[in-house]
N, C-alpha and C. Protein backbone atom coordinates (compact mmCIF):
# COMPACT_ATOMS: atom_id res chain seq x y z
N MET A 1 0.85 -1.18 0.00
CA MET A 1 0.00 0.00 0.00
C MET A 1 0.89 1.24 0.00
N ARG A 2 0.53 2.20 -0.82
CA ARG A 2 1.30 3.44 -0.94
C ARG A 2 0.52 4.60 -0.34
N ILE A 3 1.18 5.36 0.53
CA ILE A 3 0.52 6.44 1.26
C ILE A 3 1.27 7.75 1.03
N LEU A 4 0.51 8.82 0.81
CA LEU A 4 1.06 10.15 0.71
C LEU A 4 0.68 10.92 1.97
N VAL A 5 1.66 11.48 2.64
CA VAL A 5 1.43 12.32 3.81
C VAL A 5 1.73 13.76 3.39
N VAL A 6 0.75 14.66 3.56
CA VAL A 6 0.94 16.07 3.24
C VAL A 6 0.83 16.83 4.56
N GLU A 7 1.99 17.25 5.07
CA GLU A 7 2.08 17.87 6.39
C GLU A 7 3.24 18.85 6.39
N ASP A 8 3.00 20.08 6.83
CA ASP A 8 4.04 21.11 6.82
C ASP A 8 4.89 21.15 8.08
N GLU A 9 4.48 20.53 9.15
CA GLU A 9 5.27 20.48 10.38
C GLU A 9 6.23 19.29 10.29
N PRO A 10 7.54 19.53 10.17
CA PRO A 10 8.50 18.44 9.96
C PRO A 10 8.45 17.34 11.02
N GLY A 11 8.29 17.71 12.28
CA GLY A 11 8.24 16.70 13.34
C GLY A 11 7.03 15.80 13.22
N VAL A 12 5.90 16.38 12.92
CA VAL A 12 4.66 15.60 12.75
C VAL A 12 4.78 14.70 11.53
N ALA A 13 5.27 15.26 10.42
CA ALA A 13 5.44 14.48 9.19
C ALA A 13 6.37 13.29 9.42
N GLN A 14 7.47 13.51 10.13
CA GLN A 14 8.43 12.44 10.39
C GLN A 14 7.81 11.37 11.30
N PHE A 15 7.06 11.79 12.30
CA PHE A 15 6.40 10.85 13.22
C PHE A 15 5.43 9.94 12.46
N ILE A 16 4.61 10.55 11.60
CA ILE A 16 3.64 9.78 10.80
C ILE A 16 4.38 8.85 9.84
N ARG A 17 5.38 9.39 9.13
CA ARG A 17 6.15 8.58 8.18
C ARG A 17 6.78 7.38 8.88
N GLN A 18 7.42 7.62 10.02
CA GLN A 18 8.09 6.53 10.72
C GLN A 18 7.10 5.43 11.13
N GLY A 19 5.99 5.83 11.70
CA GLY A 19 5.00 4.84 12.14
C GLY A 19 4.46 4.02 10.98
N LEU A 20 4.14 4.69 9.88
CA LEU A 20 3.59 3.98 8.72
C LEU A 20 4.64 3.10 8.05
N THR A 21 5.88 3.60 7.98
CA THR A 21 6.96 2.80 7.39
C THR A 21 7.23 1.56 8.22
N GLU A 22 7.25 1.72 9.54
CA GLU A 22 7.46 0.56 10.43
C GLU A 22 6.33 -0.45 10.32
N ALA A 23 5.15 0.01 9.94
CA ALA A 23 4.01 -0.89 9.75
C ALA A 23 4.03 -1.55 8.37
N GLY A 24 5.03 -1.20 7.55
CA GLY A 24 5.19 -1.87 6.27
C GLY A 24 4.65 -1.12 5.06
N TYR A 25 4.27 0.13 5.21
CA TYR A 25 3.73 0.91 4.10
C TYR A 25 4.82 1.71 3.40
N ALA A 26 4.62 1.94 2.11
CA ALA A 26 5.48 2.84 1.34
C ALA A 26 4.91 4.24 1.53
N VAL A 27 5.76 5.18 1.98
CA VAL A 27 5.28 6.51 2.36
C VAL A 27 6.09 7.60 1.66
N ASP A 28 5.38 8.55 1.06
CA ASP A 28 5.98 9.76 0.52
C ASP A 28 5.46 10.92 1.36
N VAL A 29 6.28 11.96 1.52
CA VAL A 29 5.88 13.13 2.30
C VAL A 29 6.01 14.38 1.45
N ALA A 30 4.95 15.19 1.43
CA ALA A 30 4.96 16.50 0.80
C ALA A 30 4.82 17.54 1.89
N ARG A 31 5.47 18.70 1.75
CA ARG A 31 5.54 19.71 2.81
C ARG A 31 4.53 20.85 2.69
N ASP A 32 3.82 20.93 1.57
CA ASP A 32 2.79 21.96 1.42
C ASP A 32 1.75 21.48 0.42
N GLY A 33 0.66 22.22 0.30
CA GLY A 33 -0.43 21.78 -0.56
C GLY A 33 -0.05 21.70 -2.03
N GLU A 34 0.77 22.61 -2.48
CA GLU A 34 1.19 22.59 -3.88
C GLU A 34 2.03 21.34 -4.19
N GLU A 35 2.97 21.06 -3.31
CA GLU A 35 3.80 19.86 -3.48
C GLU A 35 2.93 18.60 -3.35
N GLY A 36 1.96 18.63 -2.44
CA GLY A 36 1.05 17.50 -2.28
C GLY A 36 0.26 17.23 -3.55
N LEU A 37 -0.20 18.29 -4.20
CA LEU A 37 -0.93 18.14 -5.46
C LEU A 37 -0.02 17.52 -6.52
N ASP A 38 1.20 18.00 -6.62
CA ASP A 38 2.15 17.45 -7.59
C ASP A 38 2.39 15.96 -7.35
N TYR A 39 2.64 15.59 -6.11
CA TYR A 39 2.86 14.18 -5.77
C TYR A 39 1.63 13.35 -6.12
N ALA A 40 0.47 13.81 -5.71
CA ALA A 40 -0.77 13.05 -5.89
C ALA A 40 -1.10 12.83 -7.36
N LEU A 41 -0.77 13.80 -8.20
CA LEU A 41 -1.06 13.67 -9.63
C LEU A 41 0.02 12.87 -10.36
N ALA A 42 1.20 12.75 -9.76
CA ALA A 42 2.31 12.05 -10.42
C ALA A 42 2.35 10.56 -10.14
N ALA A 43 1.70 10.11 -9.08
CA ALA A 43 1.74 8.70 -8.70
C ALA A 43 0.38 8.27 -8.19
N GLU A 44 0.19 6.97 -8.09
CA GLU A 44 -1.08 6.44 -7.58
C GLU A 44 -0.93 6.09 -6.11
N TYR A 45 -1.76 6.71 -5.28
CA TYR A 45 -1.73 6.46 -3.83
C TYR A 45 -3.02 5.78 -3.41
N ASP A 46 -2.90 4.88 -2.44
CA ASP A 46 -4.07 4.22 -1.88
C ASP A 46 -4.74 5.10 -0.85
N VAL A 47 -3.93 5.85 -0.09
CA VAL A 47 -4.41 6.71 0.99
C VAL A 47 -3.60 8.00 0.99
N ILE A 48 -4.27 9.10 1.31
CA ILE A 48 -3.59 10.38 1.50
C ILE A 48 -3.92 10.87 2.90
N VAL A 49 -2.90 11.13 3.69
CA VAL A 49 -3.05 11.70 5.03
C VAL A 49 -2.73 13.18 4.88
N LEU A 50 -3.71 14.04 5.14
CA LEU A 50 -3.63 15.42 4.71
C LEU A 50 -3.96 16.39 5.84
N ASP A 51 -3.02 17.28 6.14
CA ASP A 51 -3.26 18.36 7.09
C ASP A 51 -4.17 19.38 6.42
N ILE A 52 -5.06 19.98 7.17
CA ILE A 52 -5.96 20.99 6.60
C ILE A 52 -5.28 22.34 6.47
N MET A 53 -4.49 22.71 7.47
CA MET A 53 -3.85 24.03 7.47
C MET A 53 -2.45 23.92 6.87
N LEU A 54 -2.38 24.09 5.54
CA LEU A 54 -1.13 23.97 4.80
C LEU A 54 -0.79 25.28 4.10
N PRO A 55 0.49 25.53 3.88
CA PRO A 55 0.86 26.69 3.05
C PRO A 55 0.59 26.39 1.57
N LYS A 56 0.48 27.44 0.80
CA LYS A 56 0.31 27.45 -0.65
C LYS A 56 -1.09 27.02 -1.09
N ILE A 57 -1.50 25.81 -0.78
CA ILE A 57 -2.87 25.34 -1.04
C ILE A 57 -3.34 24.67 0.24
N ASP A 58 -4.46 25.16 0.82
CA ASP A 58 -4.93 24.54 2.06
C ASP A 58 -5.48 23.14 1.78
N GLY A 59 -5.59 22.35 2.82
CA GLY A 59 -6.00 20.95 2.67
C GLY A 59 -7.36 20.76 2.04
N LEU A 60 -8.34 21.56 2.42
CA LEU A 60 -9.68 21.38 1.86
C LEU A 60 -9.71 21.75 0.37
N SER A 61 -8.97 22.77 -0.01
CA SER A 61 -8.88 23.12 -1.43
C SER A 61 -8.16 22.02 -2.20
N LEU A 62 -7.16 21.42 -1.57
CA LEU A 62 -6.43 20.33 -2.21
C LEU A 62 -7.35 19.14 -2.43
N VAL A 63 -8.18 18.80 -1.45
CA VAL A 63 -9.13 17.70 -1.62
C VAL A 63 -10.04 17.98 -2.82
N ALA A 64 -10.55 19.21 -2.92
CA ALA A 64 -11.44 19.57 -4.03
C ALA A 64 -10.72 19.40 -5.37
N LYS A 65 -9.47 19.84 -5.45
CA LYS A 65 -8.70 19.72 -6.70
C LYS A 65 -8.47 18.25 -7.06
N LEU A 66 -8.16 17.44 -6.06
CA LEU A 66 -7.93 16.01 -6.31
C LEU A 66 -9.20 15.32 -6.78
N ARG A 67 -10.30 15.64 -6.17
CA ARG A 67 -11.58 15.03 -6.58
C ARG A 67 -11.98 15.52 -7.97
N ASP A 68 -11.71 16.78 -8.29
CA ASP A 68 -11.98 17.30 -9.63
C ASP A 68 -11.16 16.57 -10.68
N GLU A 69 -9.96 16.12 -10.30
CA GLU A 69 -9.09 15.37 -11.21
C GLU A 69 -9.49 13.89 -11.29
N GLY A 70 -10.51 13.50 -10.53
CA GLY A 70 -10.98 12.12 -10.57
C GLY A 70 -10.25 11.18 -9.63
N MET A 71 -9.45 11.72 -8.73
CA MET A 71 -8.71 10.88 -7.80
C MET A 71 -9.66 10.30 -6.75
N GLY A 72 -9.67 9.00 -6.64
CA GLY A 72 -10.58 8.33 -5.73
C GLY A 72 -9.92 7.79 -4.47
N ALA A 73 -8.65 8.12 -4.24
CA ALA A 73 -7.95 7.62 -3.06
C ALA A 73 -8.66 8.06 -1.78
N SER A 74 -8.60 7.22 -0.77
CA SER A 74 -9.15 7.59 0.53
C SER A 74 -8.30 8.71 1.11
N ILE A 75 -8.94 9.67 1.77
CA ILE A 75 -8.22 10.81 2.35
C ILE A 75 -8.59 10.92 3.82
N LEU A 76 -7.55 10.98 4.65
CA LEU A 76 -7.71 11.18 6.09
C LEU A 76 -7.25 12.60 6.38
N LEU A 77 -8.15 13.45 6.87
CA LEU A 77 -7.83 14.84 7.17
C LEU A 77 -7.34 14.98 8.60
N LEU A 78 -6.24 15.70 8.78
CA LEU A 78 -5.69 16.00 10.10
C LEU A 78 -5.90 17.48 10.37
N THR A 79 -6.34 17.80 11.58
CA THR A 79 -6.53 19.20 11.93
C THR A 79 -6.55 19.40 13.43
N ALA A 80 -6.16 20.58 13.84
CA ALA A 80 -6.27 20.97 15.24
C ALA A 80 -7.61 21.69 15.47
N ARG A 81 -8.30 21.99 14.39
CA ARG A 81 -9.60 22.66 14.51
C ARG A 81 -10.63 21.69 15.05
N ASN A 82 -11.57 22.22 15.85
CA ASN A 82 -12.56 21.31 16.42
C ASN A 82 -13.99 21.84 16.31
N ALA A 83 -14.19 22.90 15.56
CA ALA A 83 -15.54 23.45 15.40
C ALA A 83 -16.38 22.55 14.49
N VAL A 84 -17.65 22.50 14.76
CA VAL A 84 -18.57 21.69 13.95
C VAL A 84 -18.51 22.12 12.49
N GLU A 85 -18.43 23.42 12.24
CA GLU A 85 -18.38 23.92 10.87
C GLU A 85 -17.18 23.37 10.11
N ASP A 86 -16.05 23.23 10.80
CA ASP A 86 -14.85 22.69 10.16
C ASP A 86 -15.05 21.22 9.81
N ARG A 87 -15.68 20.48 10.68
CA ARG A 87 -15.95 19.07 10.39
C ARG A 87 -16.90 18.93 9.21
N VAL A 88 -17.91 19.76 9.16
CA VAL A 88 -18.87 19.72 8.06
C VAL A 88 -18.17 20.05 6.74
N ARG A 89 -17.33 21.08 6.74
CA ARG A 89 -16.60 21.45 5.52
C ARG A 89 -15.71 20.29 5.06
N GLY A 90 -15.07 19.62 5.97
CA GLY A 90 -14.22 18.49 5.62
C GLY A 90 -15.01 17.34 5.03
N LEU A 91 -16.17 17.07 5.56
CA LEU A 91 -17.01 16.00 5.05
C LEU A 91 -17.62 16.35 3.70
N ASP A 92 -17.90 17.62 3.51
CA ASP A 92 -18.45 18.04 2.21
C ASP A 92 -17.41 17.86 1.13
């Protein structure tokens, strides 16, 4: 299984990468939304782990762009936000 992690905080990205790699997954890491879009369009991923608050392209906009491109990979959104409106926007 191939996983793309899009996270701008280096420590968090490394923690996620290490855990997934130790579990036997192939993991690529992108540091911002623009780089995440490039990675996602260049290779086929089974899962994308995506921070919502990213530089260049925010996570929710990135999800919309990926879905517009027909990408059907499962996406797990990471966020420190906890408002109901944020959850609804993510689900939409």
